Amino acid sequence: MADLFKCHRPFGDRCTDRSVSLLCPIYQEIMEFAKEPKELIGMLSKELYIMDKNMERLMVSQLQDEVTAAKAERDEVAAERDEAITKMEIFKLKCQNKTPKEIADKLSLSVEYVNSVLNEP
């Protein structure tokens, strides 16, 4: 192995026996990849595929969270709209001189709710 370093001298004259022994396995691995780049490309392709899948999962998860939040907001707005429509119907019937009991019966609401709507400031 040391012959490999002596032969190629990748680190010039700075190499000592200790540095050669520490760096030799790393250098050999680099040289193996240099001899067969398809293996390195295959490894990188596999890693990129894994990263793509992980990114895809993360993006799907984030989109699902956004959809859940949008649905909750939609439901809240729909509830507010329904309440506004109900109040409008209560006031329409009140304008027709209906009593709170008659309004509650017609709209299937409690008399207390009808009274609370009619007594709002």
PDB file of N, CA and C in Angstrom:
ATOM      1  N   MET A   1       0.818  -1.189   0.000  1.00  0.00           N
ATOM      2  CA  MET A   1       0.000   0.000   0.000  1.00  0.00           C
ATOM      3  C   MET A   1       0.856   1.245   0.000  1.00  0.00           C
ATOM      4  N   ALA A   2       1.896   1.222   0.779  1.00  0.00           N
ATOM      5  CA  ALA A   2       2.790   2.373   0.803  1.00  0.00           C
ATOM      6  C   ALA A   2       3.421   2.571  -0.566  1.00  0.00           C
ATOM      7  N   ASP A   3       3.580   1.469  -1.311  1.00  0.00           N
ATOM      8  CA  ASP A   3       4.127   1.575  -2.663  1.00  0.00           C
ATOM      9  C   ASP A   3       3.202   2.413  -3.540  1.00  0.00           C
ATOM     10  N   LEU A   4       1.943   2.301  -3.315  1.00  0.00           N
ATOM     11  CA  LEU A   4       0.979   3.071  -4.081  1.00  0.00           C
ATOM     12  C   LEU A   4       1.234   4.560  -3.901  1.00  0.00           C
ATOM     13  N   PHE A   5       1.486   4.957  -2.651  1.00  0.00           N
ATOM     14  CA  PHE A   5       1.763   6.355  -2.389  1.00  0.00           C
ATOM     15  C   PHE A   5       3.112   6.769  -2.950  1.00  0.00           C
ATOM     16  N   LYS A   6       4.090   5.909  -2.808  1.00  0.00           N
ATOM     17  CA  LYS A   6       5.427   6.229  -3.308  1.00  0.00           C
ATOM     18  C   LYS A   6       5.389   6.369  -4.816  1.00  0.00           C
ATOM     19  N   CYS A   7       4.573   5.530  -5.436  1.00  0.00           N
ATOM     20  CA  CYS A   7       4.496   5.520  -6.882  1.00  0.00           C
ATOM     21  C   CYS A   7       3.808   6.773  -7.398  1.00  0.00           C
ATOM     22  N   HIS A   8       2.673   7.072  -6.823  1.00  0.00           N
ATOM     23  CA  HIS A   8       1.863   8.197  -7.316  1.00  0.00           C
ATOM     24  C   HIS A   8       2.205   9.500  -6.612  1.00  0.00           C
ATOM     25  N   ARG A   9       2.647   9.435  -5.387  1.00  0.00           N
ATOM     26  CA  ARG A   9       3.007  10.580  -4.560  1.00  0.00           C
ATOM     27  C   ARG A   9       1.937  11.680  -4.632  1.00  0.00           C
ATOM     28  N   PRO A  10       0.701  11.325  -4.276  1.00  0.00           N
ATOM     29  CA  PRO A  10      -0.371  12.306  -4.399  1.00  0.00           C
ATOM     30  C   PRO A  10      -0.210  13.497  -3.459  1.00  0.00           C
ATOM     31  N   PHE A  11       0.540  13.306  -2.373  1.00  0.00           N
ATOM     32  CA  PHE A  11       0.684  14.388  -1.411  1.00  0.00           C
ATOM     33  C   PHE A  11       2.071  15.015  -1.462  1.00  0.00           C
ATOM     34  N   GLY A  12       2.815  14.712  -2.472  1.00  0.00           N
ATOM     35  CA  GLY A  12       4.154  15.267  -2.637  1.00  0.00           C
ATOM     36  C   GLY A  12       5.085  14.792  -1.545  1.00  0.00           C
ATOM     37  N   ASP A  13       6.022  15.622  -1.165  1.00  0.00           N
ATOM     38  CA  ASP A  13       7.023  15.261  -0.155  1.00  0.00           C
ATOM     39  C   ASP A  13       6.498  15.427   1.254  1.00  0.00           C
ATOM     40  N   ARG A  14       5.278  15.918   1.402  1.00  0.00           N
ATOM     41  CA  ARG A  14       4.724  16.141   2.743  1.00  0.00           C
ATOM     42  C   ARG A  14       4.350  14.841   3.428  1.00  0.00           C
ATOM     43  N   CYS A  15       4.277  13.737   2.691  1.00  0.00           N
ATOM     44  CA  CYS A  15       3.846  12.466   3.258  1.00  0.00           C
ATOM     45  C   CYS A  15       4.913  11.905   4.187  1.00  0.00           C
ATOM     46  N   THR A  16       4.446  11.458   5.317  1.00  0.00           N
ATOM     47  CA  THR A  16       5.319  10.725   6.232  1.00  0.00           C
ATOM     48  C   THR A  16       4.762   9.327   6.299  1.00  0.00           C
ATOM     49  N   ASP A  17       5.477   8.445   6.930  1.00  0.00           N
ATOM     50  CA  ASP A  17       4.981   7.068   7.059  1.00  0.00           C
ATOM     51  C   ASP A  17       3.661   7.044   7.817  1.00  0.00           C
ATOM     52  N   ARG A  18       3.534   7.892   8.842  1.00  0.00           N
ATOM     53  CA  ARG A  18       2.301   7.917   9.638  1.00  0.00           C
ATOM     54  C   ARG A  18       1.151   8.444   8.779  1.00  0.00           C
ATOM     55  N   SER A  19       1.340   9.532   8.055  1.00  0.00           N
ATOM     56  CA  SER A  19       0.265  10.081   7.240  1.00  0.00           C
ATOM     57  C   SER A  19      -0.109   9.119   6.125  1.00  0.00           C
ATOM     58  N   VAL A  20       0.884   8.422   5.579  1.00  0.00           N
ATOM     59  CA  VAL A  20       0.597   7.443   4.533  1.00  0.00           C
ATOM     60  C   VAL A  20      -0.249   6.324   5.098  1.00  0.00           C
ATOM     61  N   SER A  21       0.059   5.851   6.268  1.00  0.00           N
ATOM     62  CA  SER A  21      -0.707   4.743   6.845  1.00  0.00           C
ATOM     63  C   SER A  21      -2.128   5.175   7.194  1.00  0.00           C
ATOM     64  N   LEU A  22      -2.323   6.451   7.576  1.00  0.00           N
ATOM     65  CA  LEU A  22      -3.666   6.926   7.907  1.00  0.00           C
ATOM     66  C   LEU A  22      -4.493   7.203   6.656  1.00  0.00           C
ATOM     67  N   LEU A  23      -3.843   7.720   5.618  1.00  0.00           N
ATOM     68  CA  LEU A  23      -4.575   8.131   4.433  1.00  0.00           C
ATOM     69  C   LEU A  23      -4.675   7.051   3.368  1.00  0.00           C
ATOM     70  N   CYS A  24      -3.872   6.018   3.495  1.00  0.00           N
ATOM     71  CA  CYS A  24      -3.836   4.977   2.468  1.00  0.00           C
ATOM     72  C   CYS A  24      -5.200   4.361   2.195  1.00  0.00           C
ATOM     73  N   PRO A  25      -5.968   3.953   3.214  1.00  0.00           N
ATOM     74  CA  PRO A  25      -7.290   3.363   2.914  1.00  0.00           C
ATOM     75  C   PRO A  25      -8.217   4.334   2.197  1.00  0.00           C
ATOM     76  N   ILE A  26      -8.163   5.594   2.571  1.00  0.00           N
ATOM     77  CA  ILE A  26      -9.011   6.592   1.922  1.00  0.00           C
ATOM     78  C   ILE A  26      -8.589   6.773   0.467  1.00  0.00           C
ATOM     79  N   TYR A  27      -7.296   6.887   0.275  1.00  0.00           N
ATOM     80  CA  TYR A  27      -6.788   7.070  -1.082  1.00  0.00           C
ATOM     81  C   TYR A  27      -7.132   5.868  -1.958  1.00  0.00           C
ATOM     82  N   GLN A  28      -6.996   4.672  -1.393  1.00  0.00           N
ATOM     83  CA  GLN A  28      -7.327   3.467  -2.168  1.00  0.00           C
ATOM     84  C   GLN A  28      -8.804   3.469  -2.581  1.00  0.00           C
ATOM     85  N   GLU A  29      -9.659   3.875  -1.675  1.00  0.00           N
ATOM     86  CA  GLU A  29     -11.085   3.916  -2.000  1.00  0.00           C
ATOM     87  C   GLU A  29     -11.363   4.933  -3.109  1.00  0.00           C
ATOM     88  N   ILE A  30     -10.704   6.080  -3.029  1.00  0.00           N
ATOM     89  CA  ILE A  30     -10.857   7.090  -4.077  1.00  0.00           C
ATOM     90  C   ILE A  30     -10.380   6.533  -5.412  1.00  0.00           C
ATOM     91  N   MET A  31      -9.262   5.842  -5.394  1.00  0.00           N
ATOM     92  CA  MET A  31      -8.717   5.275  -6.627  1.00  0.00           C
ATOM     93  C   MET A  31      -9.653   4.209  -7.204  1.00  0.00           C
ATOM     94  N   GLU A  32     -10.296   3.441  -6.340  1.00  0.00           N
ATOM     95  CA  GLU A  32     -11.247   2.428  -6.809  1.00  0.00           C
ATOM     96  C   GLU A  32     -12.425   3.096  -7.515  1.00  0.00           C
ATOM     97  N   PHE A  33     -12.906   4.170  -6.936  1.00  0.00           N
ATOM     98  CA  PHE A  33     -14.002   4.886  -7.577  1.00  0.00           C
ATOM     99  C   PHE A  33     -13.553   5.515  -8.889  1.00  0.00           C
ATOM    100  N   ALA A  34     -12.318   5.979  -8.925  1.00  0.00           N
ATOM    101  CA  ALA A  34     -11.800   6.575 -10.155  1.00  0.00           C
ATOM    102  C   ALA A  34     -11.693   5.524 -11.259  1.00  0.00           C
ATOM    103  N   LYS A  35     -11.385   4.271 -10.865  1.00  0.00           N
ATOM    104  CA  LYS A  35     -11.273   3.191 -11.851  1.00  0.00           C
ATOM    105  C   LYS A  35     -12.647   2.768 -12.357  1.00  0.00           C
ATOM    106  N   GLU A  36     -13.650   2.786 -11.451  1.00  0.00           N
ATOM    107  CA  GLU A  36     -14.994   2.345 -11.827  1.00  0.00           C
ATOM    108  C   GLU A  36     -16.009   3.416 -11.438  1.00  0.00           C
ATOM    109  N   PRO A  37     -16.142   4.462 -12.246  1.00  0.00           N
ATOM    110  CA  PRO A  37     -17.065   5.546 -11.886  1.00  0.00           C
ATOM    111  C   PRO A  37     -18.528   5.122 -11.927  1.00  0.00           C
ATOM    112  N   LYS A  38     -18.838   4.035 -12.651  1.00  0.00           N
ATOM    113  CA  LYS A  38     -20.234   3.593 -12.704  1.00  0.00           C
ATOM    114  C   LYS A  38     -20.738   3.224 -11.323  1.00  0.00           C
ATOM    115  N   GLU A  39     -19.868   2.634 -10.517  1.00  0.00           N
ATOM    116  CA  GLU A  39     -20.270   2.245  -9.161  1.00  0.00           C
ATOM    117  C   GLU A  39     -20.589   3.496  -8.336  1.00  0.00           C
ATOM    118  N   LEU A  40     -19.736   4.511  -8.454  1.00  0.00           N
ATOM    119  CA  LEU A  40     -19.971   5.756  -7.726  1.00  0.00           C
ATOM    120  C   LEU A  40     -21.257   6.421  -8.213  1.00  0.00           C
ATOM    121  N   ILE A  41     -21.434   6.457  -9.521  1.00  0.00           N
ATOM    122  CA  ILE A  41     -22.656   7.060 -10.080  1.00  0.00           C
ATOM    123  C   ILE A  41     -23.876   6.280  -9.620  1.00  0.00           C
ATOM    124  N   GLY A  42     -23.753   4.952  -9.584  1.00  0.00           N
ATOM    125  CA  GLY A  42     -24.857   4.129  -9.100  1.00  0.00           C
ATOM    126  C   GLY A  42     -25.185   4.437  -7.651  1.00  0.00           C
ATOM    127  N   MET A  43     -24.148   4.597  -6.831  1.00  0.00           N
ATOM    128  CA  MET A  43     -24.373   4.921  -5.418  1.00  0.00           C
ATOM    129  C   MET A  43     -25.039   6.291  -5.293  1.00  0.00           C
ATOM    130  N   LEU A  44     -24.537   7.267  -6.052  1.00  0.00           N
ATOM    131  CA  LEU A  44     -25.115   8.603  -5.990  1.00  0.00           C
ATOM    132  C   LEU A  44     -26.554   8.597  -6.497  1.00  0.00           C
ATOM    133  N   SER A  45     -26.804   7.835  -7.547  1.00  0.00           N
ATOM    134  CA  SER A  45     -28.167   7.753  -8.072  1.00  0.00           C
ATOM    135  C   SER A  45     -29.110   7.177  -7.035  1.00  0.00           C
ATOM    136  N   LYS A  46     -28.648   6.156  -6.330  1.00  0.00           N
ATOM    137  CA  LYS A  46     -29.469   5.529  -5.289  1.00  0.00           C
ATOM    138  C   LYS A  46     -29.743   6.536  -4.167  1.00  0.00           C
ATOM    139  N   GLU A  47     -28.718   7.273  -3.762  1.00  0.00           N
ATOM    140  CA  GLU A  47     -28.895   8.264  -2.701  1.00  0.00           C
ATOM    141  C   GLU A  47     -29.832   9.387  -3.150  1.00  0.00           C
ATOM    142  N   LEU A  48     -29.675   9.825  -4.382  1.00  0.00           N
ATOM    143  CA  LEU A  48     -30.577  10.860  -4.899  1.00  0.00           C
ATOM    144  C   LEU A  48     -32.015  10.365  -4.962  1.00  0.00           C
ATOM    145  N   TYR A  49     -32.201   9.108  -5.333  1.00  0.00           N
ATOM    146  CA  TYR A  49     -33.541   8.520  -5.377  1.00  0.00           C
ATOM    147  C   TYR A  49     -34.153   8.534  -3.974  1.00  0.00           C
ATOM    148  N   ILE A  50     -33.363   8.153  -2.975  1.00  0.00           N
ATOM    149  CA  ILE A  50     -33.846   8.138  -1.594  1.00  0.00           C
ATOM    150  C   ILE A  50     -34.190   9.556  -1.144  1.00  0.00           C
ATOM    151  N   MET A  51     -33.317  10.515  -1.486  1.00  0.00           N
ATOM    152  CA  MET A  51     -33.599  11.905  -1.125  1.00  0.00           C
ATOM    153  C   MET A  51     -34.870  12.399  -1.805  1.00  0.00           C
ATOM    154  N   ASP A  52     -35.058  12.037  -3.064  1.00  0.00           N
ATOM    155  CA  ASP A  52     -36.270  12.445  -3.782  1.00  0.00           C
ATOM    156  C   ASP A  52     -37.510  11.877  -3.114  1.00  0.00           C
ATOM    157  N   LYS A  53     -37.452  10.602  -2.732  1.00  0.00           N
ATOM    158  CA  LYS A  53     -38.608   9.971  -2.074  1.00  0.00           C
ATOM    159  C   LYS A  53     -38.904  10.653  -0.743  1.00  0.00           C
ATOM    160  N   ASN A  54     -37.843  10.955   0.018  1.00  0.00           N
ATOM    161  CA  ASN A  54     -38.048  11.629   1.303  1.00  0.00           C
ATOM    162  C   ASN A  54     -38.636  13.018   1.104  1.00  0.00           C
ATOM    163  N   MET A  55     -38.142  13.733   0.100  1.00  0.00           N
ATOM    164  CA  MET A  55     -38.661  15.071  -0.196  1.00  0.00           C
ATOM    165  C   MET A  55     -40.126  14.980  -0.630  1.00  0.00           C
ATOM    166  N   GLU A  56     -40.427  13.970  -1.411  1.00  0.00           N
ATOM    167  CA  GLU A  56     -41.800  13.765  -1.866  1.00  0.00           C
ATOM    168  C   GLU A  56     -42.724  13.522  -0.675  1.00  0.00           C
ATOM    169  N   ARG A  57     -42.283  12.678   0.250  1.00  0.00           N
ATOM    170  CA  ARG A  57     -43.097  12.401   1.448  1.00  0.00           C
ATOM    171  C   ARG A  57     -43.304  13.667   2.270  1.00  0.00           C
ATOM    172  N   LEU A  58     -42.240  14.456   2.419  1.00  0.00           N
ATOM    173  CA  LEU A  58     -42.334  15.690   3.179  1.00  0.00           C
ATOM    174  C   LEU A  58     -43.316  16.652   2.521  1.00  0.00           C
ATOM    175  N   MET A  59     -43.219  16.785   1.204  1.00  0.00           N
ATOM    176  CA  MET A  59     -44.113  17.695   0.493  1.00  0.00           C
ATOM    177  C   MET A  59     -45.564  17.230   0.589  1.00  0.00           C
ATOM    178  N   VAL A  60     -45.796  15.940   0.474  1.00  0.00           N
ATOM    179  CA  VAL A  60     -47.157  15.403   0.594  1.00  0.00           C
ATOM    180  C   VAL A  60     -47.697  15.674   1.993  1.00  0.00           C
ATOM    181  N   SER A  61     -46.853  15.465   2.985  1.00  0.00           N
ATOM    182  CA  SER A  61     -47.276  15.712   4.365  1.00  0.00           C
ATOM    183  C   SER A  61     -47.634  17.188   4.573  1.00  0.00           C
ATOM    184  N   GLN A  62     -46.804  18.076   4.039  1.00  0.00           N
ATOM    185  CA  GLN A  62     -47.089  19.499   4.170  1.00  0.00           C
ATOM    186  C   GLN A  62     -48.378  19.878   3.440  1.00  0.00           C
ATOM    187  N   LEU A  63     -48.587  19.312   2.263  1.00  0.00           N
ATOM    188  CA  LEU A  63     -49.822  19.606   1.525  1.00  0.00           C
ATOM    189  C   LEU A  63     -51.038  19.086   2.265  1.00  0.00           C
ATOM    190  N   GLN A  64     -50.911  17.902   2.892  1.00  0.00           N
ATOM    191  CA  GLN A  64     -52.032  17.366   3.657  1.00  0.00           C
ATOM    192  C   GLN A  64     -52.358  18.286   4.828  1.00  0.00           C
ATOM    193  N   ASP A  65     -51.324  18.830   5.483  1.00  0.00           N
ATOM    194  CA  ASP A  65     -51.556  19.774   6.578  1.00  0.00           C
ATOM    195  C   ASP A  65     -52.260  21.028   6.073  1.00  0.00           C
ATOM    196  N   GLU A  66     -51.839  21.521   4.900  1.00  0.00           N
ATOM    197  CA  GLU A  66     -52.475  22.705   4.325  1.00  0.00           C
ATOM    198  C   GLU A  66     -53.932  22.426   3.958  1.00  0.00           C
ATOM    199  N   VAL A  67     -54.198  21.247   3.412  1.00  0.00           N
ATOM    200  CA  VAL A  67     -55.578  20.884   3.049  1.00  0.00           C
ATOM    201  C   VAL A  67     -56.434  20.795   4.311  1.00  0.00           C
ATOM    202  N   THR A  68     -55.900  20.189   5.356  1.00  0.00           N
ATOM    203  CA  THR A  68     -56.639  20.075   6.613  1.00  0.00           C
ATOM    204  C   THR A  68     -56.962  21.454   7.172  1.00  0.00           C
ATOM    205  N   ALA A  69     -55.980  22.359   7.133  1.00  0.00           N
ATOM    206  CA  ALA A  69     -56.215  23.717   7.627  1.00  0.00           C
ATOM    207  C   ALA A  69     -57.249  24.442   6.762  1.00  0.00           C
ATOM    208  N   ALA A  70     -57.165  24.259   5.448  1.00  0.00           N
ATOM    209  CA  ALA A  70     -58.128  24.908   4.542  1.00  0.00           C
ATOM    210  C   ALA A  70     -59.535  24.372   4.779  1.00  0.00           C
ATOM    211  N   LYS A  71     -59.668  23.071   5.006  1.00  0.00           N
ATOM    212  CA  LYS A  71     -60.987  22.498   5.283  1.00  0.00           C
ATOM    213  C   LYS A  71     -61.558  23.038   6.587  1.00  0.00           C
ATOM    214  N   ALA A  72     -60.709  23.169   7.606  1.00  0.00           N
ATOM    215  CA  ALA A  72     -61.169  23.707   8.887  1.00  0.00           C
ATOM    216  C   ALA A  72     -61.631  25.149   8.719  1.00  0.00           C
ATOM    217  N   GLU A  73     -60.881  25.926   7.949  1.00  0.00           N
ATOM    218  CA  GLU A  73     -61.265  27.314   7.689  1.00  0.00           C
ATOM    219  C   GLU A  73     -62.572  27.376   6.902  1.00  0.00           C
ATOM    220  N   ARG A  74     -62.701  26.486   5.908  1.00  0.00           N
ATOM    221  CA  ARG A  74     -63.942  26.431   5.113  1.00  0.00           C
ATOM    222  C   ARG A  74     -65.132  26.115   6.004  1.00  0.00           C
ATOM    223  N   ASP A  75     -64.973  25.139   6.903  1.00  0.00           N
ATOM    224  CA  ASP A  75     -66.067  24.755   7.794  1.00  0.00           C
ATOM    225  C   ASP A  75     -66.453  25.902   8.729  1.00  0.00           C
ATOM    226  N   GLU A  76     -65.437  26.643   9.188  1.00  0.00           N
ATOM    227  CA  GLU A  76     -65.708  27.775  10.079  1.00  0.00           C
ATOM    228  C   GLU A  76     -66.486  28.864   9.345  1.00  0.00           C
ATOM    229  N   VAL A  77     -66.074  29.154   8.115  1.00  0.00           N
ATOM    230  CA  VAL A  77     -66.767  30.173   7.314  1.00  0.00           C
ATOM    231  C   VAL A  77     -68.191  29.718   6.993  1.00  0.00           C
ATOM    232  N   ALA A  78     -68.358  28.435   6.702  1.00  0.00           N
ATOM    233  CA  ALA A  78     -69.703  27.912   6.405  1.00  0.00           C
ATOM    234  C   ALA A  78     -70.610  28.031   7.631  1.00  0.00           C
ATOM    235  N   ALA A  79     -70.055  27.761   8.818  1.00  0.00           N
ATOM    236  CA  ALA A  79     -70.850  27.875  10.043  1.00  0.00           C
ATOM    237  C   ALA A  79     -71.260  29.329  10.280  1.00  0.00           C
ATOM    238  N   GLU A  80     -70.328  30.252  10.040  1.00  0.00           N
ATOM    239  CA  GLU A  80     -70.654  31.671  10.204  1.00  0.00           C
ATOM    240  C   GLU A  80     -71.721  32.094   9.195  1.00  0.00           C
ATOM    241  N   ARG A  81     -71.613  31.590   7.971  1.00  0.00           N
ATOM    242  CA  ARG A  81     -72.601  31.923   6.936  1.00  0.00           C
ATOM    243  C   ARG A  81     -73.978  31.394   7.338  1.00  0.00           C
ATOM    244  N   ASP A  82     -74.023  30.152   7.813  1.00  0.00           N
ATOM    245  CA  ASP A  82     -75.303  29.557   8.215  1.00  0.00           C
ATOM    246  C   ASP A  82     -75.933  30.336   9.369  1.00  0.00           C
ATOM    247  N   GLU A  83     -75.088  30.777  10.301  1.00  0.00           N
ATOM    248  CA  GLU A  83     -75.613  31.548  11.425  1.00  0.00           C
ATOM    249  C   GLU A  83     -76.165  32.894  10.940  1.00  0.00           C
ATOM    250  N   ALA A  84     -75.475  33.527   9.995  1.00  0.00           N
ATOM    251  CA  ALA A  84     -75.945  34.809   9.455  1.00  0.00           C
ATOM    252  C   ALA A  84     -77.271  34.631   8.717  1.00  0.00           C
ATOM    253  N   ILE A  85     -77.403  33.526   7.975  1.00  0.00           N
ATOM    254  CA  ILE A  85     -78.656  33.253   7.254  1.00  0.00           C
ATOM    255  C   ILE A  85     -79.798  33.037   8.242  1.00  0.00           C
ATOM    256  N   THR A  86     -79.507  32.303   9.313  1.00  0.00           N
ATOM    257  CA  THR A  86     -80.533  32.041  10.329  1.00  0.00           C
ATOM    258  C   THR A  86     -80.990  33.345  10.973  1.00  0.00           C
ATOM    259  N   LYS A  87     -80.013  34.201  11.305  1.00  0.00           N
ATOM    260  CA  LYS A  87     -80.381  35.493  11.909  1.00  0.00           C
ATOM    261  C   LYS A  87     -81.206  36.333  10.944  1.00  0.00           C
ATOM    262  N   MET A  88     -80.845  36.299   9.684  1.00  0.00           N
ATOM    263  CA  MET A  88     -81.604  37.045   8.683  1.00  0.00           C
ATOM    264  C   MET A  88     -83.050  36.533   8.624  1.00  0.00           C
ATOM    265  N   GLU A  89     -83.224  35.231   8.654  1.00  0.00           N
ATOM    266  CA  GLU A  89     -84.579  34.654   8.628  1.00  0.00           C
ATOM    267  C   GLU A  89     -85.367  35.056   9.866  1.00  0.00           C
ATOM    268  N   ILE A  90     -84.678  35.080  11.003  1.00  0.00           N
ATOM    269  CA  ILE A  90     -85.355  35.500  12.246  1.00  0.00           C
ATOM    270  C   ILE A  90     -85.872  36.932  12.106  1.00  0.00           C
ATOM    271  N   PHE A  91     -85.026  37.819  11.604  1.00  0.00           N
ATOM    272  CA  PHE A  91     -85.441  39.224  11.467  1.00  0.00           C
ATOM    273  C   PHE A  91     -86.512  39.403  10.393  1.00  0.00           C
ATOM    274  N   LYS A  92     -86.466  38.600   9.335  1.00  0.00           N
ATOM    275  CA  LYS A  92     -87.532  38.674   8.318  1.00  0.00           C
ATOM    276  C   LYS A  92     -88.882  38.321   8.933  1.00  0.00           C
ATOM    277  N   LEU A  93     -88.883  37.241   9.738  1.00  0.00           N
ATOM    278  CA  LEU A  93     -90.133  36.821  10.369  1.00  0.00           C
ATOM    279  C   LEU A  93     -90.582  37.838  11.429  1.00  0.00           C
ATOM    280  N   LYS A  94     -89.608  38.446  12.106  1.00  0.00           N
ATOM    281  CA  LYS A  94     -89.954  39.477  13.096  1.00  0.00           C
ATOM    282  C   LYS A  94     -90.617  40.669  12.408  1.00  0.00           C
ATOM    283  N   CYS A  95     -90.118  41.002  11.185  1.00  0.00           N
ATOM    284  CA  CYS A  95     -90.716  42.106  10.419  1.00  0.00           C
ATOM    285  C   CYS A  95     -92.147  41.773   9.981  1.00  0.00           C
ATOM    286  N   GLN A  96     -92.466  40.482   9.946  1.00  0.00           N
ATOM    287  CA  GLN A  96     -93.825  40.060   9.594  1.00  0.00           C
ATOM    288  C   GLN A  96     -94.695  39.954  10.846  1.00  0.00           C
ATOM    289  N   ASN A  97     -94.214  40.545  11.950  1.00  0.00           N
ATOM    290  CA  ASN A  97     -94.936  40.585  13.227  1.00  0.00           C
ATOM    291  C   ASN A  97     -95.154  39.214  13.837  1.00  0.00           C
ATOM    292  N   LYS A  98     -94.203  38.311  13.638  1.00  0.00           N
ATOM    293  CA  LYS A  98     -94.286  36.994  14.281  1.00  0.00           C
ATOM    294  C   LYS A  98     -93.694  37.094  15.682  1.00  0.00           C
ATOM    295  N   THR A  99     -94.243  36.316  16.584  1.00  0.00           N
ATOM    296  CA  THR A  99     -93.720  36.281  17.953  1.00  0.00           C
ATOM    297  C   THR A  99     -92.477  35.392  17.994  1.00  0.00           C
ATOM    298  N   PRO A 100     -91.653  35.559  19.017  1.00  0.00           N
ATOM    299  CA  PRO A 100     -90.472  34.691  19.124  1.00  0.00           C
ATOM    300  C   PRO A 100     -90.825  33.200  19.133  1.00  0.00           C
ATOM    301  N   LYS A 101     -91.949  32.856  19.734  1.00  0.00           N
ATOM    302  CA  LYS A 101     -92.388  31.443  19.767  1.00  0.00           C
ATOM    303  C   LYS A 101     -92.707  30.962  18.356  1.00  0.00           C
ATOM    304  N   GLU A 102     -93.418  31.788  17.586  1.00  0.00           N
ATOM    305  CA  GLU A 102     -93.768  31.418  16.207  1.00  0.00           C
ATOM    306  C   GLU A 102     -92.507  31.298  15.338  1.00  0.00           C
ATOM    307  N   ILE A 103     -91.572  32.220  15.545  1.00  0.00           N
ATOM    308  CA  ILE A 103     -90.318  32.171  14.776  1.00  0.00           C
ATOM    309  C   ILE A 103     -89.541  30.896  15.114  1.00  0.00           C
ATOM    310  N   ALA A 104     -89.458  30.606  16.406  1.00  0.00           N
ATOM    311  CA  ALA A 104     -88.724  29.416  16.852  1.00  0.00           C
ATOM    312  C   ALA A 104     -89.353  28.153  16.277  1.00  0.00           C
ATOM    313  N   ASP A 105     -90.668  28.083  16.279  1.00  0.00           N
ATOM    314  CA  ASP A 105     -91.359  26.911  15.737  1.00  0.00           C
ATOM    315  C   ASP A 105     -91.121  26.787  14.225  1.00  0.00           C
ATOM    316  N   LYS A 106     -91.238  27.905  13.513  1.00  0.00           N
ATOM    317  CA  LYS A 106     -91.095  27.872  12.059  1.00  0.00           C
ATOM    318  C   LYS A 106     -89.680  27.475  11.638  1.00  0.00           C
ATOM    319  N   LEU A 107     -88.652  27.959  12.368  1.00  0.00           N
ATOM    320  CA  LEU A 107     -87.260  27.697  11.990  1.00  0.00           C
ATOM    321  C   LEU A 107     -86.619  26.537  12.763  1.00  0.00           C
ATOM    322  N   SER A 108     -87.419  25.883  13.603  1.00  0.00           N
ATOM    323  CA  SER A 108     -86.926  24.766  14.431  1.00  0.00           C
ATOM    324  C   SER A 108     -85.750  25.200  15.302  1.00  0.00           C
ATOM    325  N   LEU A 109     -85.960  26.306  15.975  1.00  0.00           N
ATOM    326  CA  LEU A 109     -84.950  26.839  16.881  1.00  0.00           C
ATOM    327  C   LEU A 109     -85.540  26.936  18.278  1.00  0.00           C
ATOM    328  N   SER A 110     -84.666  27.146  19.255  1.00  0.00           N
ATOM    329  CA  SER A 110     -85.187  27.346  20.608  1.00  0.00           C
ATOM    330  C   SER A 110     -85.647  28.792  20.754  1.00  0.00           C
ATOM    331  N   VAL A 111     -86.636  28.996  21.601  1.00  0.00           N
ATOM    332  CA  VAL A 111     -87.166  30.337  21.846  1.00  0.00           C
ATOM    333  C   VAL A 111     -86.073  31.206  22.470  1.00  0.00           C
ATOM    334  N   GLU A 112     -85.232  30.596  23.321  1.00  0.00           N
ATOM    335  CA  GLU A 112     -84.150  31.339  23.967  1.00  0.00           C
ATOM    336  C   GLU A 112     -83.182  31.900  22.923  1.00  0.00           C
ATOM    337  N   TYR A 113     -82.848  31.081  21.913  1.00  0.00           N
ATOM    338  CA  TYR A 113     -81.921  31.534  20.882  1.00  0.00           C
ATOM    339  C   TYR A 113     -82.559  32.690  20.082  1.00  0.00           C
ATOM    340  N   VAL A 114     -83.823  32.527  19.715  1.00  0.00           N
ATOM    341  CA  VAL A 114     -84.515  33.565  18.961  1.00  0.00           C
ATOM    342  C   VAL A 114     -84.528  34.871  19.770  1.00  0.00           C
ATOM    343  N   ASN A 115     -84.841  34.769  21.059  1.00  0.00           N
ATOM    344  CA  ASN A 115     -84.847  35.965  21.919  1.00  0.00           C
ATOM    345  C   ASN A 115     -83.471  36.581  22.016  1.00  0.00           C
ATOM    346  N   SER A 116     -82.435  35.760  22.103  1.00  0.00           N
ATOM    347  CA  SER A 116     -81.065  36.303  22.215  1.00  0.00           C
ATOM    348  C   SER A 116     -80.671  37.032  20.927  1.00  0.00           C
ATOM    349  N   VAL A 117     -81.095  36.520  19.789  1.00  0.00           N
ATOM    350  CA  VAL A 117     -80.793  37.182  18.509  1.00  0.00           C
ATOM    351  C   VAL A 117     -81.568  38.492  18.412  1.00  0.00           C
ATOM    352  N   LEU A 118     -82.829  38.469  18.804  1.00  0.00           N
ATOM    353  CA  LEU A 118     -83.639  39.677  18.713  1.00  0.00           C
ATOM    354  C   LEU A 118     -83.209  40.750  19.695  1.00  0.00           C
ATOM    355  N   ASN A 119     -82.571  40.362  20.786  1.00  0.00           N
ATOM    356  CA  ASN A 119     -82.143  41.311  21.808  1.00  0.00           C
ATOM    357  C   ASN A 119     -80.682  41.709  21.668  1.00  0.00           C
ATOM    358  N   GLU A 120     -80.016  41.288  20.588  1.00  0.00           N
ATOM    359  CA  GLU A 120     -78.621  41.682  20.376  1.00  0.00           C
ATOM    360  C   GLU A 120     -78.555  43.158  20.091  1.00  0.00           C
ATOM    361  N   PRO A 121     -77.474  43.820  20.537  1.00  0.00           N
ATOM    362  CA  PRO A 121     -77.364  45.269  20.284  1.00  0.00           C
ATOM    363  C   PRO A 121     -77.067  45.546  18.802  1.00  0.00           C
TER     364      PRO A 121
END
